[in-house]
C-alpha atoms as a PDB file:
ATOM      1  CA  MET A   1      38.062  89.478 159.424  1.00  0.00           C
ATOM      2  CA  GLY A   2      40.610  88.588 162.069  1.00  0.00           C
ATOM      3  CA  ASN A   3      42.035  85.147 162.648  1.00  0.00           C
ATOM      4  CA  LEU A   4      39.999  82.987 165.008  1.00  0.00           C
ATOM      5  CA  THR A   5      41.585  81.140 167.895  1.00  0.00           C
ATOM      6  CA  SER A   6      40.296  79.233 170.893  1.00  0.00           C
ATOM      7  CA  HIS A   7      40.964  82.445 172.849  1.00  0.00           C
ATOM      8  CA  SER A   8      38.501  84.668 170.975  1.00  0.00           C
ATOM      9  CA  LEU A   9      36.230  85.973 173.717  1.00  0.00           C
ATOM     10  CA  ILE A  10      32.479  85.438 173.432  1.00  0.00           C
ATOM     11  CA  SER A  11      30.167  87.689 175.441  1.00  0.00           C
ATOM     12  CA  VAL A  12      26.993  85.844 176.422  1.00  0.00           C
ATOM     13  CA  ILE A  13      24.110  88.125 177.419  1.00  0.00           C
ATOM     14  CA  MET A  14      21.246  86.766 179.512  1.00  0.00           C
ATOM     15  CA  PRO A  15      18.275  88.968 180.508  1.00  0.00           C
ATOM     16  CA  VAL A  16      16.503  87.733 183.656  1.00  0.00           C
ATOM     17  CA  TYR A  17      13.061  88.473 185.026  1.00  0.00           C
ATOM     18  CA  ASN A  18      11.842  86.209 187.856  1.00  0.00           C
ATOM     19  CA  GLY A  19      13.963  83.395 186.450  1.00  0.00           C
ATOM     20  CA  GLU A  20      14.479  81.439 189.669  1.00  0.00           C
ATOM     21  CA  PRO A  21      12.874  78.134 188.557  1.00  0.00           C
ATOM     22  CA  TYR A  22      15.149  77.693 185.525  1.00  0.00           C
ATOM     23  CA  LEU A  23      18.050  80.117 185.948  1.00  0.00           C
ATOM     24  CA  THR A  24      20.572  77.669 187.407  1.00  0.00           C
ATOM     25  CA  GLU A  25      20.069  75.265 184.513  1.00  0.00           C
ATOM     26  CA  ALA A  26      20.467  78.078 181.967  1.00  0.00           C
ATOM     27  CA  ILE A  27      23.652  79.435 183.581  1.00  0.00           C
ATOM     28  CA  ASP A  28      25.156  75.958 183.893  1.00  0.00           C
ATOM     29  CA  SER A  29      24.537  75.338 180.198  1.00  0.00           C
ATOM     30  CA  VAL A  30      26.676  78.408 179.434  1.00  0.00           C
ATOM     31  CA  LEU A  31      29.475  77.726 181.906  1.00  0.00           C
ATOM     32  CA  GLY A  32      29.621  74.077 180.848  1.00  0.00           C
ATOM     33  CA  GLN A  33      30.359  74.912 177.206  1.00  0.00           C
ATOM     34  CA  THR A  34      33.157  72.972 175.546  1.00  0.00           C
ATOM     35  CA  TYR A  35      34.308  76.378 174.235  1.00  0.00           C
ATOM     36  CA  GLN A  36      35.502  78.105 177.382  1.00  0.00           C
ATOM     37  CA  SER A  37      36.692  81.581 176.355  1.00  0.00           C
ATOM     38  CA  LEU A  38      33.538  83.416 177.371  1.00  0.00           C
ATOM     39  CA  GLU A  39      32.011  85.888 179.769  1.00  0.00           C
ATOM     40  CA  LEU A  40      28.416  85.693 180.960  1.00  0.00           C
ATOM     41  CA  ILE A  41      26.638  89.001 181.508  1.00  0.00           C
ATOM     42  CA  ILE A  42      23.341  88.720 183.376  1.00  0.00           C
ATOM     43  CA  ILE A  43      21.003  91.702 183.177  1.00  0.00           C
ATOM     44  CA  LEU A  44      18.491  91.464 186.009  1.00  0.00           C
ATOM     45  CA  ASP A  45      15.133  93.194 185.644  1.00  0.00           C
ATOM     46  CA  SER A  46      14.672  95.426 188.689  1.00  0.00           C
ATOM     47  CA  ARG A  47      11.031  94.294 188.874  1.00  0.00           C
ATOM     48  CA  SER A  48      12.079  90.724 189.751  1.00  0.00           C
ATOM     49  CA  THR A  49      10.712  89.557 193.098  1.00  0.00           C
ATOM     50  CA  ASP A  50      12.293  86.104 193.399  1.00  0.00           C
ATOM     51  CA  ARG A  51      15.818  84.782 194.146  1.00  0.00           C
ATOM     52  CA  SER A  52      17.198  85.459 190.635  1.00  0.00           C
ATOM     53  CA  GLU A  53      19.802  87.971 191.818  1.00  0.00           C
ATOM     54  CA  GLU A  54      20.945  85.720 194.671  1.00  0.00           C
ATOM     55  CA  ILE A  55      21.372  82.801 192.261  1.00  0.00           C
ATOM     56  CA  ALA A  56      23.237  84.886 189.673  1.00  0.00           C
ATOM     57  CA  ARG A  57      25.630  86.362 192.228  1.00  0.00           C
ATOM     58  CA  SER A  58      26.487  82.924 193.627  1.00  0.00           C
ATOM     59  CA  TYR A  59      28.549  82.106 190.526  1.00  0.00           C
ATOM     60  CA  PRO A  60      32.280  82.820 189.958  1.00  0.00           C
ATOM     61  CA  SER A  61      33.889  85.953 188.598  1.00  0.00           C
ATOM     62  CA  ASN A  62      33.265  85.243 184.893  1.00  0.00           C
ATOM     63  CA  VAL A  63      29.546  85.688 185.622  1.00  0.00           C
ATOM     64  CA  ALA A  64      28.686  89.372 186.049  1.00  0.00           C
ATOM     65  CA  CYS A  65      25.261  90.462 187.277  1.00  0.00           C
ATOM     66  CA  TYR A  66      23.889  93.960 186.666  1.00  0.00           C
ATOM     67  CA  ILE A  67      20.557  95.596 187.455  1.00  0.00           C
ATOM     68  CA  GLN A  68      18.755  96.627 184.281  1.00  0.00           C
ATOM     69  CA  LYS A  69      18.722 100.349 183.490  1.00  0.00           C
ATOM     70  CA  SER A  70      15.318 100.313 181.782  1.00  0.00           C
ATOM     71  CA  VAL A  71      12.348  98.005 181.237  1.00  0.00           C
ATOM     72  CA  GLY A  72      12.035  95.440 178.453  1.00  0.00           C
ATOM     73  CA  LEU A  73      13.859  92.530 176.875  1.00  0.00           C
ATOM     74  CA  SER A  74      15.353  94.626 174.077  1.00  0.00           C
ATOM     75  CA  ALA A  75      16.683  97.191 176.533  1.00  0.00           C
ATOM     76  CA  ALA A  76      18.183  94.421 178.678  1.00  0.00           C
ATOM     77  CA  ARG A  77      20.065  92.979 175.721  1.00  0.00           C
ATOM     78  CA  ASN A  78      21.296  96.443 174.772  1.00  0.00           C
ATOM     79  CA  ASP A  79      22.498  97.004 178.352  1.00  0.00           C
ATOM     80  CA  GLY A  80      24.446  93.752 178.126  1.00  0.00           C
ATOM     81  CA  ILE A  81      25.990  94.749 174.805  1.00  0.00           C
ATOM     82  CA  ASP A  82      27.153  98.028 176.338  1.00  0.00           C
ATOM     83  CA  LEU A  83      29.077  96.005 178.939  1.00  0.00           C
ATOM     84  CA  ALA A  84      30.371  93.269 176.624  1.00  0.00           C
ATOM     85  CA  ARG A  85      34.094  92.899 175.924  1.00  0.00           C
ATOM     86  CA  GLY A  86      33.938  89.971 173.511  1.00  0.00           C
ATOM     87  CA  GLU A  87      34.756  89.702 169.827  1.00  0.00           C
ATOM     88  CA  PHE A  88      31.484  87.769 169.439  1.00  0.00           C
ATOM     89  CA  PHE A  89      28.013  88.160 170.936  1.00  0.00           C
ATOM     90  CA  ALA A  90      25.606  85.405 171.952  1.00  0.00           C
ATOM     91  CA  PHE A  91      22.262  85.543 173.759  1.00  0.00           C
ATOM     92  CA  LEU A  92      20.353  83.116 175.959  1.00  0.00           C
ATOM     93  CA  ASP A  93      16.974  83.516 177.623  1.00  0.00           C
ATOM     94  CA  CYS A  94      17.038  82.507 181.267  1.00  0.00           C
ATOM     95  CA  ASP A  95      14.493  79.720 180.788  1.00  0.00           C
ATOM     96  CA  ASP A  96      16.247  78.021 177.863  1.00  0.00           C
ATOM     97  CA  ILE A  97      19.214  75.638 177.699  1.00  0.00           C
ATOM     98  CA  TRP A  98      22.190  75.543 175.354  1.00  0.00           C
ATOM     99  CA  MET A  99      23.639  72.271 174.154  1.00  0.00           C
ATOM    100  CA  LEU A 100      27.120  72.066 175.659  1.00  0.00           C
ATOM    101  CA  ASN A 101      28.892  72.174 172.271  1.00  0.00           C
ATOM    102  CA  LYS A 102      26.866  75.104 170.874  1.00  0.00           C
ATOM    103  CA  LEU A 103      29.647  77.671 170.839  1.00  0.00           C
ATOM    104  CA  GLU A 104      32.296  75.171 169.730  1.00  0.00           C
ATOM    105  CA  LEU A 105      30.228  74.197 166.675  1.00  0.00           C
ATOM    106  CA  GLN A 106      29.572  77.808 165.791  1.00  0.00           C
ATOM    107  CA  MET A 107      33.185  78.891 166.194  1.00  0.00           C
ATOM    108  CA  ALA A 108      34.215  75.972 163.975  1.00  0.00           C
ATOM    109  CA  ALA A 109      31.844  77.309 161.303  1.00  0.00           C
ATOM    110  CA  PHE A 110      33.478  80.748 161.531  1.00  0.00           C
ATOM    111  CA  ALA A 111      36.906  79.115 161.218  1.00  0.00           C
ATOM    112  CA  ARG A 112      35.808  77.257 158.065  1.00  0.00           C
ATOM    113  CA  ASP A 113      34.414  80.401 156.454  1.00  0.00           C
ATOM    114  CA  PRO A 114      36.092  83.641 157.593  1.00  0.00           C
ATOM    115  CA  GLU A 115      33.525  85.664 155.613  1.00  0.00           C
ATOM    116  CA  LEU A 116      30.659  84.671 157.902  1.00  0.00           C
ATOM    117  CA  ASP A 117      29.050  87.317 160.074  1.00  0.00           C
ATOM    118  CA  MET A 118      26.611  85.141 162.031  1.00  0.00           C
ATOM    119  CA  VAL A 119      25.907  81.457 162.624  1.00  0.00           C
ATOM    120  CA  PHE A 120      22.618  79.838 163.686  1.00  0.00           C
ATOM    121  CA  GLY A 121      21.477  76.291 164.412  1.00  0.00           C
ATOM    122  CA  HIS A 122      18.405  74.197 165.147  1.00  0.00           C
ATOM    123  CA  VAL A 123      16.230  74.318 168.261  1.00  0.00           C
ATOM    124  CA  ARG A 124      14.468  71.496 170.074  1.00  0.00           C
ATOM    125  CA  GLN A 125      11.356  72.676 171.910  1.00  0.00           C
ATOM    126  CA  PHE A 126      10.124  70.875 175.017  1.00  0.00           C
ATOM    127  CA  TYR A 127       7.451  71.165 177.659  1.00  0.00           C
ATOM    128  CA  SER A 128       8.764  72.056 181.083  1.00  0.00           C
ATOM    129  CA  PRO A 129       8.255  69.068 183.445  1.00  0.00           C
ATOM    130  CA  GLU A 130       5.731  70.911 185.620  1.00  0.00           C
ATOM    131  CA  ILE A 131       3.287  71.290 182.703  1.00  0.00           C
ATOM    132  CA  GLU A 132       0.572  68.652 183.129  1.00  0.00           C
ATOM    133  CA  ASP A 133      -0.554  66.455 180.239  1.00  0.00           C
ATOM    134  CA  GLU A 134      -4.023  68.038 180.127  1.00  0.00           C
ATOM    135  CA  VAL A 135      -2.493  71.478 179.662  1.00  0.00           C
ATOM    136  CA  ARG A 136      -0.085  70.230 177.006  1.00  0.00           C
ATOM    137  CA  LYS A 137      -3.009  68.968 174.930  1.00  0.00           C
ATOM    138  CA  LYS A 138      -4.470  72.499 174.848  1.00  0.00           C
ATOM    139  CA  TRP A 139      -1.225  74.194 173.839  1.00  0.00           C
ATOM    140  CA  THR A 140       0.212  74.058 170.368  1.00  0.00           C
ATOM    141  CA  TYR A 141       3.626  75.159 169.196  1.00  0.00           C
ATOM    142  CA  ALA A 142       5.776  74.804 166.115  1.00  0.00           C
ATOM    143  CA  ALA A 143       7.580  71.613 165.178  1.00  0.00           C
ATOM    144  CA  GLU A 144       9.651  70.032 167.929  1.00  0.00           C
ATOM    145  CA  ILE A 145      12.898  70.512 165.978  1.00  0.00           C
ATOM    146  CA  MET A 146      13.359  73.361 163.530  1.00  0.00           C
ATOM    147  CA  PRO A 147      15.942  75.827 162.191  1.00  0.00           C
ATOM    148  CA  ALA A 148      16.109  78.820 164.520  1.00  0.00           C
ATOM    149  CA  HIS A 149      16.710  82.363 163.325  1.00  0.00           C
ATOM    150  CA  ILE A 150      16.214  83.606 166.879  1.00  0.00           C
ATOM    151  CA  ALA A 151      18.353  85.239 169.533  1.00  0.00           C
ATOM    152  CA  SER A 152      19.217  82.158 171.601  1.00  0.00           C
ATOM    153  CA  ALA A 153      20.565  80.438 168.478  1.00  0.00           C
ATOM    154  CA  ILE A 154      22.843  83.146 167.084  1.00  0.00           C
ATOM    155  CA  LEU A 155      26.559  83.733 167.411  1.00  0.00           C
ATOM    156  CA  VAL A 156      27.500  87.011 165.714  1.00  0.00           C
ATOM    157  CA  ARG A 157      30.718  88.929 165.250  1.00  0.00           C
ATOM    158  CA  ARG A 158      30.874  92.108 167.289  1.00  0.00           C
ATOM    159  CA  GLU A 159      31.674  94.362 164.323  1.00  0.00           C
ATOM    160  CA  SER A 160      28.954  92.703 162.258  1.00  0.00           C
ATOM    161  CA  PHE A 161      26.371  93.267 164.982  1.00  0.00           C
ATOM    162  CA  PHE A 162      27.165  96.969 165.119  1.00  0.00           C
ATOM    163  CA  ARG A 163      26.851  97.257 161.337  1.00  0.00           C
ATOM    164  CA  VAL A 164      23.173  96.486 161.972  1.00  0.00           C
ATOM    165  CA  GLY A 165      22.779  98.362 165.242  1.00  0.00           C
ATOM    166  CA  LEU A 166      21.262  97.735 168.649  1.00  0.00           C
ATOM    167  CA  PHE A 167      17.922  96.076 169.309  1.00  0.00           C
ATOM    168  CA  GLU A 168      14.918  98.382 169.050  1.00  0.00           C
ATOM    169  CA  PRO A 169      14.358  99.564 172.657  1.00  0.00           C
ATOM    170  CA  LYS A 170      10.665 100.263 172.032  1.00  0.00           C
ATOM    171  CA  LEU A 171      10.055  96.525 171.748  1.00  0.00           C
ATOM    172  CA  HIS A 172       9.466  94.539 174.933  1.00  0.00           C
ATOM    173  CA  PHE A 173       9.780  91.397 172.841  1.00  0.00           C
ATOM    174  CA  GLY A 174       9.910  90.571 169.160  1.00  0.00           C
ATOM    175  CA  ASP A 175      13.205  92.448 169.079  1.00  0.00           C
ATOM    176  CA  PHE A 176      14.964  89.778 167.061  1.00  0.00           C
ATOM    177  CA  ILE A 177      12.135  89.724 164.521  1.00  0.00           C
ATOM    178  CA  ASP A 178      13.069  93.366 163.954  1.00  0.00           C
ATOM    179  CA  TRP A 179      16.858  92.946 164.141  1.00  0.00           C
ATOM    180  CA  TYR A 180      17.356  89.929 161.858  1.00  0.00           C
ATOM    181  CA  PRO A 181      15.727  91.438 158.723  1.00  0.00           C
ATOM    182  CA  ARG A 182      17.868  94.530 159.234  1.00  0.00           C
ATOM    183  CA  ALA A 183      20.920  92.258 159.310  1.00  0.00           C
ATOM    184  CA  VAL A 184      19.879  90.640 156.026  1.00  0.00           C
ATOM    185  CA  GLU A 185      19.210  94.049 154.460  1.00  0.00           C
ATOM    186  CA  ARG A 186      22.727  95.167 155.372  1.00  0.00           C
ATOM    187  CA  GLY A 187      24.206  92.131 153.681  1.00  0.00           C
ATOM    188  CA  LEU A 188      25.373  90.138 156.690  1.00  0.00           C
ATOM    189  CA  LYS A 189      26.367  86.625 155.698  1.00  0.00           C
ATOM    190  CA  GLY A 190      24.781  83.908 157.812  1.00  0.00           C
ATOM    191  CA  HIS A 191      24.973  80.135 158.052  1.00  0.00           C
ATOM    192  CA  MET A 192      22.507  77.610 159.486  1.00  0.00           C
ATOM    193  CA  LEU A 193      24.080  74.564 161.143  1.00  0.00           C
ATOM    194  CA  SER A 194      22.203  71.271 160.952  1.00  0.00           C
ATOM    195  CA  GLU A 195      22.859  70.481 164.617  1.00  0.00           C
ATOM    196  CA  ILE A 196      20.520  71.254 167.523  1.00  0.00           C
ATOM    197  CA  LEU A 197      22.181  74.097 169.429  1.00  0.00           C
ATOM    198  CA  PHE A 198      19.660  74.800 172.177  1.00  0.00           C
ATOM    199  CA  ARG A 199      16.473  73.634 173.850  1.00  0.00           C
ATOM    200  CA  ARG A 200      13.554  76.048 174.193  1.00  0.00           C
ATOM    201  CA  ARG A 201      11.347  75.516 177.236  1.00  0.00           C
ATOM    202  CA  ILE A 202       7.565  75.813 176.915  1.00  0.00           C
ATOM    203  CA  HIS A 203       6.081  76.862 180.256  1.00  0.00           C
ATOM    204  CA  PHE A 204       3.497  79.117 181.910  1.00  0.00           C
ATOM    205  CA  ASN A 205       5.828  82.104 182.244  1.00  0.00           C
ATOM    206  CA  ASN A 206       7.110  82.362 178.659  1.00  0.00           C
ATOM    207  CA  ILE A 207       7.449  86.027 177.823  1.00  0.00           C
ATOM    208  CA  GLY A 208       4.854  85.780 175.064  1.00  0.00           C
ATOM    209  CA  ILE A 209       2.342  84.590 177.656  1.00  0.00           C
ATOM    210  CA  ARG A 210       3.536  86.885 180.457  1.00  0.00           C
ATOM    211  CA  GLU A 211       3.432  90.120 178.465  1.00  0.00           C
ATOM    212  CA  ARG A 212       0.403  89.703 176.232  1.00  0.00           C
ATOM    213  CA  GLU A 213      -0.232  93.446 176.404  1.00  0.00           C
ATOM    214  CA  HIS A 214       2.950  93.957 174.348  1.00  0.00           C
ATOM    215  CA  GLN A 215       2.087  91.522 171.562  1.00  0.00           C
ATOM    216  CA  SER A 216       1.573  94.541 169.311  1.00  0.00           C
ATOM    217  CA  ASP A 217       5.404  94.650 169.288  1.00  0.00           C
ATOM    218  CA  TYR A 218       5.294  91.906 166.652  1.00  0.00           C
ATOM    219  CA  VAL A 219       3.075  94.110 164.494  1.00  0.00           C
ATOM    220  CA  TYR A 220       5.498  97.028 164.965  1.00  0.00           C
ATOM    221  CA  ALA A 221       8.474  94.888 163.920  1.00  0.00           C
ATOM    222  CA  ILE A 222       6.732  93.562 160.810  1.00  0.00           C
ATOM    223  CA  LYS A 223       5.434  97.028 159.854  1.00  0.00           C
ATOM    224  CA  SER A 224       8.972  98.451 160.193  1.00  0.00           C
ATOM    225  CA  LEU A 225      10.262  95.740 157.861  1.00  0.00           C
ATOM    226  CA  LEU A 226       7.569  96.420 155.251  1.00  0.00           C
ATOM    227  CA  ASP A 227       8.144 100.174 155.459  1.00  0.00           C
ATOM    228  CA  ARG A 228      11.878  99.722 154.838  1.00  0.00           C
ATOM    229  CA  ARG A 229      11.211  97.472 151.861  1.00  0.00           C
ATOM    230  CA  ARG A 230       8.728  99.925 150.339  1.00  0.00           C
ATOM    231  CA  LYS A 231      11.235 102.757 150.791  1.00  0.00           C
ATOM    232  CA  ALA A 232      14.009 100.698 149.189  1.00  0.00           C
ATOM    233  CA  GLN A 233      11.789  99.831 146.212  1.00  0.00           C
ATOM    234  CA  SER A 234      10.817 103.495 145.840  1.00  0.00           C
ATOM    235  CA  ASN A 235      14.474 104.570 145.813  1.00  0.00           C
ATOM    236  CA  GLN A 236      15.238 102.067 143.055  1.00  0.00           C
ATOM    237  CA  LYS A 237      12.680 103.591 140.708  1.00  0.00           C
END
């Protein structure tokens, strides 16, 4: 593990599909970080029909915007990783918001424990302002604040990420449900901070709502995990 300094570059990867309503707020939450040694890589879904690309390209040179090579959230993240130069990887969905000290808190955790491979934190979920009260009453979601072993909460060392491998490109979403157990199986050391590191927006266009036809991806990810565990148990006999 190399020595950490305030100059260690973090590559932040943000997939975008029709993100116009929330994209500016998401980008600003990255560029406003108290930890400033970062690059933001935006991977724009070619199917987008709104002003997402125009918004992304209006930012300065440390924000790079690329058209996605293939379809799906997992593929977009993998495209971003291919382009990343940083010693650390972080991910943010274009409708969510980082707390401005997210990366600083996580880098401090790495500095305290050089053996760490990945650091997480808590999430605060919130209804987007346009969601009316009557709709909110019909929707349910997990606790407002909770520990988050999800993509928008992680900061992971580059070499540690590649010990696990890329996200499964077959998955349109649920990719982190597949990736994180693989990380645990390979012995990556993680830490959960007590602080809230990001805010997750609940709205009509959440990917789980938008791409219901791909909800079988969750089943695929869980089945893959169970298959690996059964194989490991069989090899131990």
